[in-house]
Amino acid sequence: MKYSLQNIIIEIHNKEDKILSQSKRLIDEAYEMTLYLQDLLFSVKKHIADEGFKNDADEIHFFRTIKPQILGKLIYYNKIYRIETSCPVSNGKMYHSYFSIQLANLKREYIDHICNSDFYRYYRSGRTDRDNTYFKRGNINYHDGLNSIVFEIDPAFSTFFDYKLARIISNELLYTYLLTKISPDEDPDMILQKPESSKDIFWTDSKNALIELVYALYASSVISHGKIGIRKISLMFQILFGVPLGDLHHAFHRMKSRAGSRTAFLDQLKISLEEYMDKEL
């Protein structure tokens, strides 16, 4: 097939990086990514309609791994746009309350509609034994009492469960986004508090150095094969070190405009490792 998971992820990442480099408002970034992903999904749909699938394995791979990544991101950015354009203020208690409500709504949706479903447990367990049922077209069982969205999908371009998987991916991204919108200093119960097991682990360089490392790991797609976004990688490090990193977008934009080396921290890491290797000889 023309489309592979790796190519799709790289293409989306490149578009995200291009928009990010323009230092736009998050609202504008979300809107532009929504339009881009909508066009990408349309072009993929057209390719499938014209070319079809080579075999069942090809079809299953597409609806399990490729389409949900595109659709999941599309749902995610559209939701960000809706959240950001409805936000009543830019900071303060009302701002914190607004995003806390959004997070509570997301958690409620997870509890009510996702976590107890057979499909969610199937997906989380990494099973593949029912892929022929979930990710091949024409197998929708209406006796299961499925969500009414099933009547709106295009049966030639959906198995319904690819949509459910896209919603799971979208919700995971939204969870990370909402956590980073709420300052841990204002809410001591937030997940950004350091766990007891890592209380003695500290980041002793600058925040900019940590952001540089985060972006390097994201750009190289070395975590989860590049399937997770920059905000989630950032959140992992914020949790580990207990360091709020603030606005990643603007920090990255400043990095790109640095005088001298734009990767000063990574350059120093390389020098330090080589010096350590020399000592070991």
Protein backbone atom coordinates (compact mmCIF):
# COMPACT_ATOMS: atom_id res chain seq x y z
CA MET A 1 0.00 0.00 0.00
CA LYS A 2 1.00 3.61 -0.51
CA TYR A 3 0.39 4.53 3.13
CA SER A 4 2.41 3.06 6.00
CA LEU A 5 2.09 3.80 9.70
CA GLN A 6 5.60 5.21 9.89
CA ASN A 7 5.08 7.48 6.87
CA ILE A 8 1.77 8.75 8.23
CA ILE A 9 3.29 9.51 11.64
CA ILE A 10 6.27 11.28 10.08
CA GLU A 11 3.99 13.29 7.79
CA ILE A 12 1.79 14.41 10.68
CA HIS A 13 4.81 15.21 12.87
CA ASN A 14 6.37 17.28 10.10
CA LYS A 15 3.17 19.27 9.71
CA GLU A 16 2.94 19.81 13.47
CA ASP A 17 6.55 20.98 13.59
CA LYS A 18 6.02 23.34 10.66
CA ILE A 19 2.99 24.94 12.31
CA LEU A 20 4.77 25.05 15.67
CA SER A 21 7.74 26.87 14.13
CA GLN A 22 5.41 29.69 13.06
CA SER A 23 4.73 30.52 16.73
CA LYS A 24 0.98 30.76 16.27
CA ARG A 25 -1.68 30.74 18.97
CA LEU A 26 -2.78 27.29 20.07
CA ILE A 27 -6.25 28.07 18.66
CA ASP A 28 -4.75 28.76 15.24
CA GLU A 29 -2.51 25.68 15.41
CA ALA A 30 -5.48 23.46 16.30
CA TYR A 31 -7.59 24.92 13.49
CA GLU A 32 -4.85 24.49 10.88
CA MET A 33 -4.10 20.92 12.01
CA THR A 34 -7.82 20.09 11.87
CA LEU A 35 -8.03 21.22 8.25
CA TYR A 36 -4.80 19.42 7.35
CA LEU A 37 -5.85 16.12 8.96
CA GLN A 38 -9.28 16.32 7.36
CA ASP A 39 -7.64 16.67 3.94
CA LEU A 40 -5.20 13.85 4.74
CA LEU A 41 -8.04 11.54 5.76
CA PHE A 42 -9.91 12.42 2.57
CA SER A 43 -6.87 11.65 0.40
CA VAL A 44 -6.35 8.32 2.18
CA LYS A 45 -10.02 7.47 1.70
CA LYS A 46 -9.75 8.23 -2.00
CA HIS A 47 -6.66 6.03 -2.26
CA ILE A 48 -8.50 3.15 -0.59
CA ALA A 49 -11.49 3.58 -2.88
CA ASP A 50 -9.24 3.56 -5.96
CA GLU A 51 -6.72 0.89 -4.97
CA GLY A 52 -8.47 -1.28 -2.39
CA PHE A 53 -6.53 -3.74 -0.25
CA LYS A 54 -4.19 -6.51 -1.35
CA ASN A 55 -5.54 -8.98 1.21
CA ASP A 56 -7.27 -9.28 4.59
CA ALA A 57 -4.06 -8.60 6.51
CA ASP A 58 -3.61 -5.36 4.59
CA GLU A 59 -7.15 -4.28 5.43
CA ILE A 60 -6.82 -5.17 9.12
CA HIS A 61 -3.52 -3.30 9.38
CA PHE A 62 -5.04 -0.18 7.88
CA PHE A 63 -8.11 -0.06 10.13
CA ARG A 64 -6.20 -1.04 13.27
CA THR A 65 -3.07 1.11 12.95
CA ILE A 66 -3.17 3.70 10.17
CA LYS A 67 -6.64 5.23 10.03
CA PRO A 68 -7.06 5.52 13.84
CA GLN A 69 -3.85 7.55 14.06
CA ILE A 70 -5.14 10.09 11.52
CA LEU A 71 -8.72 10.18 12.81
CA GLY A 72 -7.59 10.20 16.45
CA LYS A 73 -5.44 13.28 15.87
CA LEU A 74 -8.24 14.92 13.89
CA ILE A 75 -10.70 14.44 16.76
CA TYR A 76 -8.05 15.65 19.20
CA TYR A 77 -7.21 18.90 17.41
CA ASN A 78 -10.87 19.65 16.71
CA LYS A 79 -11.61 19.18 20.42
CA ILE A 80 -8.71 21.46 21.38
CA TYR A 81 -10.09 24.12 19.04
CA ARG A 82 -13.51 23.86 20.63
CA ILE A 83 -12.09 23.95 24.17
CA GLU A 84 -9.78 26.88 23.51
CA THR A 85 -12.37 28.98 21.68
CA SER A 86 -14.84 28.45 24.55
CA CYS A 87 -12.37 29.33 27.32
CA PRO A 88 -13.74 32.44 29.11
CA VAL A 89 -10.42 33.89 30.35
CA SER A 90 -6.66 33.50 29.82
CA ASN A 91 -5.58 32.87 33.43
CA GLY A 92 -6.67 32.91 37.07
CA LYS A 93 -9.14 30.85 39.08
CA MET A 94 -11.82 30.83 36.38
CA TYR A 95 -9.25 29.56 33.86
CA HIS A 96 -8.19 26.79 36.24
CA SER A 97 -11.80 25.90 36.99
CA TYR A 98 -12.68 25.74 33.28
CA PHE A 99 -9.92 23.27 32.43
CA SER A 100 -10.56 21.27 35.61
CA ILE A 101 -14.17 20.81 34.45
CA GLN A 102 -12.95 19.74 30.99
CA LEU A 103 -10.67 17.17 32.63
CA ALA A 104 -13.49 15.91 34.85
CA ASN A 105 -15.73 15.52 31.78
CA LEU A 106 -13.03 13.54 30.00
CA LYS A 107 -12.58 11.24 32.99
CA ARG A 108 -16.35 10.75 33.20
CA GLU A 109 -16.49 9.77 29.53
CA TYR A 110 -13.68 7.28 30.12
CA ILE A 111 -15.49 5.70 33.09
CA ASP A 112 -18.95 5.65 31.48
CA HIS A 113 -18.12 4.62 27.92
CA ILE A 114 -14.60 3.26 27.57
CA CYS A 115 -12.84 1.51 30.43
CA ASN A 116 -15.43 -1.24 31.00
CA SER A 117 -15.95 -2.16 27.35
CA ASP A 118 -14.78 -5.49 25.96
CA PHE A 119 -13.13 -3.71 23.05
CA TYR A 120 -11.08 -1.43 25.30
CA ARG A 121 -9.78 -4.40 27.27
CA TYR A 122 -9.02 -6.17 23.99
CA TYR A 123 -7.06 -3.18 22.70
CA ARG A 124 -5.19 -2.60 25.97
CA SER A 125 -4.18 -6.25 26.27
CA GLY A 126 -2.57 -6.18 22.82
CA ARG A 127 -4.65 -9.09 21.61
CA THR A 128 -5.09 -9.78 17.90
CA ASP A 129 -7.33 -12.86 17.91
CA ARG A 130 -10.49 -10.85 17.10
CA ASP A 131 -8.94 -8.49 14.57
CA ASN A 132 -10.90 -10.20 11.81
CA THR A 133 -14.10 -9.12 13.56
CA TYR A 134 -13.07 -5.67 14.72
CA PHE A 135 -11.00 -4.42 11.81
CA LYS A 136 -12.57 -5.86 8.68
CA ARG A 137 -15.45 -4.11 6.97
CA GLY A 138 -18.91 -5.61 6.91
CA ASN A 139 -18.78 -7.25 10.35
CA ILE A 140 -20.82 -4.78 12.41
CA ASN A 141 -23.12 -6.67 14.78
CA TYR A 142 -26.13 -4.47 15.55
CA HIS A 143 -27.25 -6.92 18.26
CA ASP A 144 -24.43 -5.51 20.40
CA GLY A 145 -26.35 -2.28 20.94
CA LEU A 146 -23.65 -0.10 19.42
CA ASN A 147 -23.43 3.68 19.66
CA SER A 148 -25.71 5.45 17.16
CA ILE A 149 -22.64 6.91 15.40
CA VAL A 150 -22.46 3.52 13.66
CA PHE A 151 -25.34 4.62 11.41
CA GLU A 152 -23.40 7.68 10.22
CA ILE A 153 -20.14 6.02 9.20
CA ASP A 154 -19.22 5.06 5.65
CA PRO A 155 -19.21 1.24 5.64
CA ALA A 156 -16.71 1.27 2.75
CA PHE A 157 -14.21 3.22 4.87
CA SER A 158 -14.88 2.11 8.42
CA THR A 159 -15.36 -0.96 10.58
CA PHE A 160 -16.81 1.20 13.42
CA PHE A 161 -14.10 -0.10 15.76
CA ASP A 162 -11.45 1.93 13.97
CA TYR A 163 -13.54 4.94 15.07
CA LYS A 164 -13.66 3.65 18.66
CA LEU A 165 -9.90 3.21 18.61
CA ALA A 166 -9.47 6.74 17.25
CA ARG A 167 -11.55 8.06 20.16
CA ILE A 168 -9.32 6.23 22.62
CA ILE A 169 -6.20 7.74 21.01
CA SER A 170 -7.82 11.17 21.01
CA ASN A 171 -8.81 10.94 24.67
CA GLU A 172 -5.28 9.95 25.68
CA LEU A 173 -3.90 13.02 23.90
CA LEU A 174 -6.60 15.25 25.40
CA TYR A 175 -5.82 13.96 28.89
CA THR A 176 -2.20 15.01 28.56
CA TYR A 177 -3.17 18.36 27.04
CA LEU A 178 -5.60 19.16 29.86
CA LEU A 179 -3.09 18.21 32.54
CA THR A 180 -0.52 20.57 31.09
CA LYS A 181 -3.12 23.39 31.03
CA ILE A 182 -3.67 23.15 34.78
CA SER A 183 -0.79 24.40 36.94
CA PRO A 184 0.27 21.80 39.53
CA ASP A 185 1.07 24.66 41.90
CA GLU A 186 -2.62 25.58 42.02
CA ASP A 187 -3.88 22.02 42.46
CA PRO A 188 -1.78 19.81 44.77
CA ASP A 189 -3.74 16.71 43.77
CA MET A 190 -2.71 16.89 40.13
CA ILE A 191 -0.71 14.07 38.61
CA LEU A 192 2.30 16.30 38.07
CA GLN A 193 3.20 15.82 41.72
CA LYS A 194 6.29 13.63 42.03
CA PRO A 195 5.58 10.06 43.15
CA GLU A 196 7.20 8.90 46.38
CA SER A 197 9.48 6.52 44.50
CA SER A 198 11.13 9.41 42.65
CA LYS A 199 11.34 12.05 45.40
CA ASP A 200 15.15 11.85 45.31
CA ILE A 201 15.34 12.33 41.51
CA PHE A 202 15.94 15.92 40.43
CA TRP A 203 16.64 17.80 37.21
CA THR A 204 19.67 19.95 37.92
CA ASP A 205 20.09 21.71 34.57
CA SER A 206 17.86 24.42 33.08
CA LYS A 207 14.26 23.95 31.95
CA ASN A 208 15.35 24.85 28.43
CA ALA A 209 17.84 21.98 28.50
CA LEU A 210 15.08 19.54 29.45
CA ILE A 211 12.80 20.91 26.73
CA GLU A 212 15.62 20.44 24.22
CA LEU A 213 15.93 16.78 25.30
CA VAL A 214 12.15 16.27 25.08
CA TYR A 215 12.02 17.63 21.53
CA ALA A 216 15.00 15.54 20.47
CA LEU A 217 13.27 12.36 21.66
CA TYR A 218 10.04 13.41 19.96
CA ALA A 219 11.69 14.34 16.65
CA SER A 220 13.59 11.05 16.50
CA SER A 221 10.41 8.95 17.13
CA VAL A 222 12.30 6.73 19.61
CA ILE A 223 9.47 6.55 22.18
CA SER A 224 6.59 4.19 21.28
CA HIS A 225 7.66 4.32 17.61
CA GLY A 226 6.70 7.99 17.48
CA LYS A 227 3.04 7.29 18.22
CA ILE A 228 2.78 9.71 21.15
CA GLY A 229 2.87 13.47 20.93
CA ILE A 230 5.22 16.07 22.32
CA ARG A 231 2.92 16.98 25.20
CA LYS A 232 2.78 13.42 26.50
CA ILE A 233 6.56 13.02 26.36
CA SER A 234 6.86 16.36 28.12
CA LEU A 235 4.42 15.26 30.81
CA MET A 236 6.45 12.10 31.45
CA PHE A 237 9.52 14.19 32.25
CA GLN A 238 7.53 16.69 34.28
CA ILE A 239 6.18 13.86 36.42
CA LEU A 240 9.59 12.21 36.79
CA PHE A 241 11.45 15.36 37.79
CA GLY A 242 8.61 17.41 39.27
CA VAL A 243 9.45 20.31 36.95
CA PRO A 244 6.61 22.24 35.22
CA LEU A 245 7.90 23.13 31.76
CA GLY A 246 5.30 25.74 30.88
CA ASP A 247 4.69 26.72 27.26
CA LEU A 248 6.66 24.25 25.13
CA HIS A 249 5.73 25.98 21.88
CA HIS A 250 7.31 29.29 22.71
CA ALA A 251 10.35 27.67 24.34
CA PHE A 252 10.93 25.66 21.16
CA HIS A 253 10.54 28.75 19.01
CA ARG A 254 13.18 30.55 21.11
CA MET A 255 15.50 27.55 20.73
CA LYS A 256 15.25 27.81 16.95
CA SER A 257 16.31 31.46 17.11
CA ARG A 258 19.32 30.97 19.39
CA ALA A 259 22.62 32.58 18.54
CA GLY A 260 25.30 29.93 18.11
CA SER A 261 24.30 26.30 18.53
CA ARG A 262 20.56 25.65 18.63
CA THR A 263 21.22 22.30 20.37
CA ALA A 264 23.65 23.44 23.07
CA PHE A 265 22.50 20.88 25.65
CA LEU A 266 22.59 17.93 23.24
CA ASP A 267 26.03 19.05 22.06
CA GLN A 268 27.24 19.04 25.67
CA LEU A 269 25.72 15.59 26.24
CA LYS A 270 27.74 14.22 23.33
CA ILE A 271 30.95 15.80 24.64
CA SER A 272 30.34 14.48 28.16
CA LEU A 273 29.66 10.95 26.91
CA GLU A 274 32.78 10.90 24.74
CA GLU A 275 34.90 12.17 27.63
CA TYR A 276 33.43 9.46 29.86
CA MET A 277 34.19 6.83 27.23
CA ASP A 278 37.80 8.04 27.03
CA LYS A 279 38.16 7.66 30.79
CA GLU A 280 37.00 4.06 30.55
CA LEU A 281 39.69 3.10 28.01
